[in-house]
Amino acid sequence: MTEQEILNQIEELNMKLEEVRKNKASVYSDEEVDLAEKERLHQEDLQRLRGLRLIDDDFMNACFDGYIEGAELLLRIILDKPDIRVKSVTTQRQMKNLLGRDICLDIDADDDSGKKYNIEVQRSDKGADRKRARYHSSILDAHLLKSGEDYSDLPETFVIFITENDVIGEGLPLYTIERKITNTGKSFDDGEHIIYVNGADKNASTELGRLMHDFFCTDADDMNFRELAEKVRFYKEDEKGVAEMCKVMEDMRNEEAKKIRLEAIKSIMESFGVTIEKAMESLKIPNAEWAFYVDKIQNN
């Protein structure tokens, strides 16, 4: 099949989609169609919101962003250090690597002693790969030591993975990974700590087990810890919180649509040797959006 034949098929598909829209418009006005679609998506968002839990990273990101009391609760229980005082906490912090892959921290926190914490929530076993933990730790180090500072100034770091399943597979509620001198068995004590929390262990007799129970609750009334329950209740029941979460989910849909279009543009360009502009024309992407896709393709 020639390039032109493929483009003709794309054009026919776009015409069929336009015909479907015209058929809807014969019964409803464009404004009514748009409003009905928005309401349908809104109801889908509300239904999805009811089922979200803290183990779901998008919901967790909303709940913990700037929430010092919640971050303190997590770290105090996971590290068994009730005196930890969190100074700052953000979610979805991007860390650039000029020579390789960037990372995005689910939860990025600092305490008042200068220690750095990266907490990752992972439902997928693959997302909690051991080498990913190693990579996160290395990128943290690269960003924490400024030019001219002594290596001894490097702060203590903790990379913590909260996983839906027991990814280590030893049946423990928590795994602490530290470097040691193999000849002597003594700790190397370089300040790097990697911890895996087994979310499948919800032992009600331990604080950690009760914490993991809360991470899998859809209803704030079923949760053990007030600090977490009040945030979950806000984003699921408060009008303002629900609106914020619905906006997050709308933004996610828009981002997903952009990713799909971007892949479609690349596929057409690579398969048929056409220009970016020709590919965008064939997909009927509005001219106002062209600059976005051109930038993405040329700079990635």
Protein backbone atom coordinates (compact mmCIF):
# COMPACT_ATOMS: atom_id res chain seq x y z
CA MET A 1 0.00 0.00 0.00
CA THR A 2 1.39 3.40 -0.97
CA GLU A 3 1.77 6.40 1.31
CA GLN A 4 -1.05 8.18 -0.50
CA GLU A 5 -3.39 5.20 -0.05
CA ILE A 6 -2.67 5.18 3.67
CA LEU A 7 -3.32 8.90 3.92
CA ASN A 8 -6.56 8.41 1.97
CA GLN A 9 -7.69 5.81 4.50
CA ILE A 10 -6.92 8.19 7.37
CA GLU A 11 -8.94 10.86 5.60
CA GLU A 12 -11.87 8.48 5.21
CA LEU A 13 -11.73 7.64 8.91
CA ASN A 14 -11.76 11.32 9.83
CA MET A 15 -14.77 11.84 7.55
CA LYS A 16 -16.65 9.01 9.27
CA LEU A 17 -15.93 10.51 12.67
CA GLU A 18 -17.21 13.85 11.47
CA GLU A 19 -20.36 12.18 10.15
CA VAL A 20 -21.02 10.63 13.55
CA ARG A 21 -20.70 14.05 15.13
CA LYS A 22 -23.12 15.53 12.59
CA ASN A 23 -25.65 12.81 13.35
CA LYS A 24 -25.50 13.69 17.03
CA ALA A 25 -25.84 17.35 16.19
CA SER A 26 -29.03 16.63 14.21
CA VAL A 27 -30.72 15.79 17.52
CA TYR A 28 -28.72 17.96 19.90
CA SER A 29 -26.96 21.27 19.41
CA ASP A 30 -23.13 21.30 19.55
CA GLU A 31 -23.34 22.96 22.96
CA GLU A 32 -25.68 20.27 24.27
CA VAL A 33 -23.43 17.52 22.90
CA ASP A 34 -20.39 19.09 24.57
CA LEU A 35 -22.20 19.56 27.87
CA ALA A 36 -23.52 16.00 27.81
CA GLU A 37 -20.03 14.64 27.14
CA LYS A 38 -18.53 16.74 29.93
CA GLU A 39 -21.18 15.52 32.35
CA ARG A 40 -20.58 11.91 31.33
CA LEU A 41 -16.84 12.27 31.95
CA HIS A 42 -17.51 14.04 35.24
CA GLN A 43 -19.69 11.17 36.46
CA GLU A 44 -16.97 8.70 35.42
CA ASP A 45 -14.45 10.74 37.41
CA LEU A 46 -16.68 10.71 40.50
CA GLN A 47 -17.11 6.94 40.21
CA ARG A 48 -13.38 6.44 39.84
CA LEU A 49 -12.67 8.78 42.76
CA ARG A 50 -14.81 6.66 45.07
CA GLY A 51 -12.55 3.67 44.38
CA LEU A 52 -9.19 5.42 44.75
CA ARG A 53 -6.82 4.54 47.60
CA LEU A 54 -3.53 5.88 48.90
CA ILE A 55 -1.73 3.02 47.15
CA ASP A 56 -2.91 4.60 43.86
CA ASP A 57 -0.17 7.09 43.09
CA ASP A 58 -2.31 9.90 41.61
CA PHE A 59 -4.52 9.98 44.69
CA MET A 60 -1.53 9.64 47.00
CA ASN A 61 0.19 12.56 45.26
CA ALA A 62 -2.81 14.81 45.93
CA CYS A 63 -3.12 13.73 49.57
CA PHE A 64 0.54 14.15 50.54
CA ASP A 65 1.53 17.26 48.59
CA GLY A 66 2.60 19.78 51.24
CA TYR A 67 1.08 17.62 53.99
CA ILE A 68 3.81 17.60 56.64
CA GLU A 69 1.75 15.84 59.31
CA GLY A 70 0.98 12.94 56.96
CA ALA A 71 4.62 12.61 55.84
CA GLU A 72 5.75 12.59 59.48
CA LEU A 73 3.31 9.79 60.25
CA LEU A 74 4.67 7.64 57.39
CA LEU A 75 8.31 8.15 58.27
CA ARG A 76 7.87 7.73 62.02
CA ILE A 77 6.13 4.38 61.57
CA ILE A 78 8.23 2.99 58.71
CA LEU A 79 11.56 3.99 60.28
CA ASP A 80 10.38 3.44 63.86
CA LYS A 81 11.61 6.91 64.79
CA PRO A 82 8.83 8.81 66.61
CA ASP A 83 10.91 11.98 66.91
CA ILE A 84 11.22 12.69 63.14
CA ARG A 85 10.21 16.26 62.32
CA VAL A 86 9.50 16.89 58.63
CA LYS A 87 10.48 20.34 57.39
CA SER A 88 9.04 20.17 53.86
CA VAL A 89 7.23 17.72 51.60
CA THR A 90 6.26 17.85 47.93
CA THR A 91 4.97 15.30 45.44
CA GLN A 92 5.88 14.62 41.82
CA ARG A 93 9.20 16.43 41.98
CA GLN A 94 11.19 16.11 38.76
CA MET A 95 14.93 15.50 39.02
CA LYS A 96 16.89 16.00 35.82
CA ASN A 97 19.83 13.92 34.68
CA LEU A 98 21.69 15.66 31.86
CA LEU A 99 23.49 12.45 30.87
CA GLY A 100 20.67 9.94 31.27
CA ARG A 101 17.17 9.22 32.47
CA ASP A 102 15.28 11.73 34.64
CA ILE A 103 13.29 10.61 37.67
CA CYS A 104 10.06 11.83 39.26
CA LEU A 105 9.77 11.49 43.03
CA ASP A 106 6.34 10.48 44.31
CA ILE A 107 7.03 12.03 47.73
CA ASP A 108 10.09 14.17 48.39
CA ALA A 109 10.64 15.17 52.02
CA ASP A 110 13.30 16.72 54.25
CA ASP A 111 13.52 16.64 58.02
CA ASP A 112 14.87 19.25 60.38
CA SER A 113 18.22 17.44 60.66
CA GLY A 114 18.86 17.60 56.90
CA LYS A 115 18.02 14.00 56.02
CA LYS A 116 16.37 13.45 52.62
CA TYR A 117 13.47 11.04 52.01
CA ASN A 118 12.06 9.74 48.73
CA ILE A 119 8.90 7.64 49.16
CA GLU A 120 7.63 5.74 46.12
CA VAL A 121 4.24 4.01 45.97
CA GLN A 122 4.22 1.10 43.52
CA ARG A 123 1.35 -1.23 42.66
CA SER A 124 3.35 -2.88 39.89
CA ASP A 125 6.15 -5.25 40.94
CA LYS A 126 8.14 -4.10 37.93
CA GLY A 127 7.92 -0.50 39.12
CA ALA A 128 9.72 -1.48 42.33
CA ASP A 129 12.72 -3.09 40.63
CA ARG A 130 15.79 -3.19 42.87
CA LYS A 131 17.90 -1.34 40.34
CA ARG A 132 15.29 1.42 40.22
CA ALA A 133 15.83 1.91 43.96
CA ARG A 134 19.57 2.07 43.32
CA TYR A 135 19.06 4.60 40.51
CA HIS A 136 16.80 6.83 42.61
CA SER A 137 19.39 6.83 45.36
CA SER A 138 22.16 7.81 42.93
CA ILE A 139 20.15 10.69 41.42
CA LEU A 140 19.31 11.97 44.90
CA ASP A 141 23.03 12.04 45.71
CA ALA A 142 23.86 13.83 42.46
CA HIS A 143 21.38 16.60 43.28
CA LEU A 144 22.29 16.98 46.94
CA LEU A 145 26.01 17.78 46.71
CA LYS A 146 26.83 21.20 45.26
CA SER A 147 30.00 22.16 43.44
CA GLY A 148 32.81 22.82 45.90
CA GLU A 149 31.17 20.97 48.80
CA ASP A 150 33.02 18.18 50.54
CA TYR A 151 31.82 14.61 50.08
CA SER A 152 31.31 14.42 53.84
CA ASP A 153 28.58 17.07 53.43
CA LEU A 154 26.38 14.60 51.54
CA PRO A 155 23.24 14.16 53.67
CA GLU A 156 21.77 10.86 54.78
CA THR A 157 19.19 9.59 52.26
CA PHE A 158 16.29 7.17 52.43
CA VAL A 159 14.63 5.67 49.34
CA ILE A 160 11.44 3.94 50.49
CA PHE A 161 9.22 1.80 48.27
CA ILE A 162 5.71 1.00 49.48
CA THR A 163 4.58 -1.90 47.31
CA GLU A 164 1.22 -3.60 46.83
CA ASN A 165 2.83 -7.05 46.89
CA ASP A 166 5.75 -8.64 48.69
CA VAL A 167 8.25 -7.92 45.89
CA ILE A 168 11.25 -9.19 47.90
CA GLY A 169 9.40 -12.44 48.60
CA GLU A 170 10.66 -13.28 52.08
CA GLY A 171 7.35 -12.80 53.89
CA LEU A 172 8.52 -9.86 56.00
CA PRO A 173 6.53 -6.67 56.57
CA LEU A 174 9.57 -4.49 55.87
CA TYR A 175 13.03 -4.91 54.31
CA THR A 176 15.98 -2.65 55.13
CA ILE A 177 18.88 -2.66 52.68
CA GLU A 178 22.25 -1.30 53.82
CA ARG A 179 25.79 -1.55 52.48
CA LYS A 180 28.22 -3.59 54.54
CA ILE A 181 31.86 -4.68 54.46
CA THR A 182 31.55 -8.30 53.35
CA ASN A 183 34.91 -9.34 54.84
CA THR A 184 33.90 -8.33 58.36
CA GLY A 185 30.10 -8.12 58.20
CA LYS A 186 30.24 -4.60 59.64
CA SER A 187 28.12 -1.76 58.30
CA PHE A 188 29.79 0.47 55.69
CA ASP A 189 27.78 3.38 57.11
CA ASP A 190 27.78 5.63 54.04
CA GLY A 191 24.39 7.22 54.82
CA GLU A 192 22.45 5.51 52.02
CA HIS A 193 19.33 3.56 53.02
CA ILE A 194 16.87 1.63 50.82
CA ILE A 195 13.67 0.28 52.37
CA TYR A 196 10.86 -1.85 50.94
CA VAL A 197 7.51 -1.85 52.77
CA ASN A 198 5.37 -4.90 52.02
CA GLY A 199 1.87 -3.53 51.51
CA ALA A 200 0.42 -7.04 51.52
CA ASP A 201 1.18 -7.33 55.24
CA LYS A 202 -1.74 -5.67 57.06
CA ASN A 203 -1.16 -7.12 60.50
CA ALA A 204 -3.58 -5.21 62.76
CA SER A 205 -1.38 -5.86 65.80
CA THR A 206 1.40 -3.58 64.47
CA GLU A 207 1.47 0.10 63.58
CA LEU A 208 3.00 -0.69 60.20
CA GLY A 209 0.29 -3.25 59.45
CA ARG A 210 -2.43 -0.76 60.37
CA LEU A 211 -0.73 1.84 58.19
CA MET A 212 -0.73 -0.53 55.22
CA HIS A 213 -4.41 -1.28 55.89
CA ASP A 214 -5.10 2.45 55.54
CA PHE A 215 -3.24 2.59 52.23
CA PHE A 216 -5.78 0.16 50.76
CA CYS A 217 -8.96 1.76 52.16
CA THR A 218 -11.47 3.46 49.87
CA ASP A 219 -13.52 4.84 52.79
CA ALA A 220 -12.01 7.26 55.31
CA ASP A 221 -14.30 5.85 58.03
CA ASP A 222 -12.47 2.51 57.80
CA MET A 223 -9.01 3.99 58.38
CA ASN A 224 -6.93 3.78 61.54
CA PHE A 225 -4.93 6.99 61.40
CA ARG A 226 -6.64 10.37 61.67
CA GLU A 227 -3.87 12.15 59.72
CA LEU A 228 -4.57 10.02 56.65
CA ALA A 229 -8.34 9.72 57.07
CA GLU A 230 -8.88 13.49 57.11
CA LYS A 231 -7.06 13.90 53.79
CA VAL A 232 -8.90 11.02 52.15
CA ARG A 233 -12.21 12.44 53.41
CA PHE A 234 -11.34 15.89 52.06
CA TYR A 235 -10.61 14.67 48.54
CA LYS A 236 -13.58 12.30 48.44
CA GLU A 237 -16.29 14.17 50.31
CA ASP A 238 -15.50 17.88 50.52
CA GLU A 239 -16.79 19.90 47.56
CA LYS A 240 -13.49 21.71 47.09
CA GLY A 241 -11.41 18.55 47.42
CA VAL A 242 -13.60 16.61 44.98
CA ALA A 243 -13.31 19.46 42.46
CA GLU A 244 -9.52 19.41 42.79
CA MET A 245 -9.36 15.65 42.19
CA CYS A 246 -11.72 15.86 39.22
CA LYS A 247 -9.45 18.53 37.73
CA VAL A 248 -6.45 16.22 38.26
CA MET A 249 -8.23 13.40 36.44
CA GLU A 250 -9.27 15.73 33.61
CA ASP A 251 -5.66 16.86 33.20
CA MET A 252 -4.57 13.22 33.14
CA ARG A 253 -7.05 12.47 30.33
CA ASN A 254 -5.74 15.42 28.34
CA GLU A 255 -2.15 14.30 28.86
CA GLU A 256 -3.02 10.76 27.76
CA ALA A 257 -4.71 12.10 24.63
CA LYS A 258 -1.58 14.10 23.81
CA LYS A 259 0.60 11.00 24.25
CA ILE A 260 -1.63 9.00 21.91
CA ARG A 261 -1.52 11.73 19.27
CA LEU A 262 2.24 12.09 19.63
CA GLU A 263 2.76 8.36 19.08
CA ALA A 264 0.40 8.44 16.10
CA ILE A 265 2.36 11.30 14.54
CA LYS A 266 5.67 9.48 15.04
CA SER A 267 4.24 6.26 13.64
CA ILE A 268 2.99 7.93 10.46
CA MET A 269 6.29 9.79 9.98
CA GLU A 270 8.42 6.68 10.47
CA SER A 271 6.22 4.32 8.46
CA PHE A 272 5.62 6.53 5.44
CA GLY A 273 8.45 9.05 5.50
CA VAL A 274 6.19 12.10 5.68
CA THR A 275 6.88 15.40 7.44
CA ILE A 276 5.57 16.32 10.88
CA GLU A 277 3.16 18.74 9.26
CA LYS A 278 1.81 16.13 6.84
CA ALA A 279 1.30 13.65 9.67
CA MET A 280 -0.57 16.24 11.73
CA GLU A 281 -2.71 17.18 8.75
CA SER A 282 -3.66 13.56 8.22
CA LEU A 283 -4.72 13.27 11.86
CA LYS A 284 -6.65 16.55 11.64
CA ILE A 285 -4.81 18.03 14.60
CA PRO A 286 -5.81 21.70 15.05
CA ASN A 287 -3.17 24.16 13.86
CA ALA A 288 -3.11 25.80 17.28
CA GLU A 289 -1.64 22.58 18.71
CA TRP A 290 1.03 22.04 16.05
CA ALA A 291 3.79 23.91 17.90
CA PHE A 292 3.41 21.62 20.93
CA TYR A 293 3.89 18.42 18.92
CA VAL A 294 6.69 19.86 16.77
CA ASP A 295 8.58 20.82 19.94
CA LYS A 296 8.04 17.39 21.51
CA ILE A 297 9.27 15.53 18.44
CA GLN A 298 12.24 17.77 17.66
CA ASN A 299 13.53 17.93 21.24
CA ASN A 300 13.08 14.32 22.31
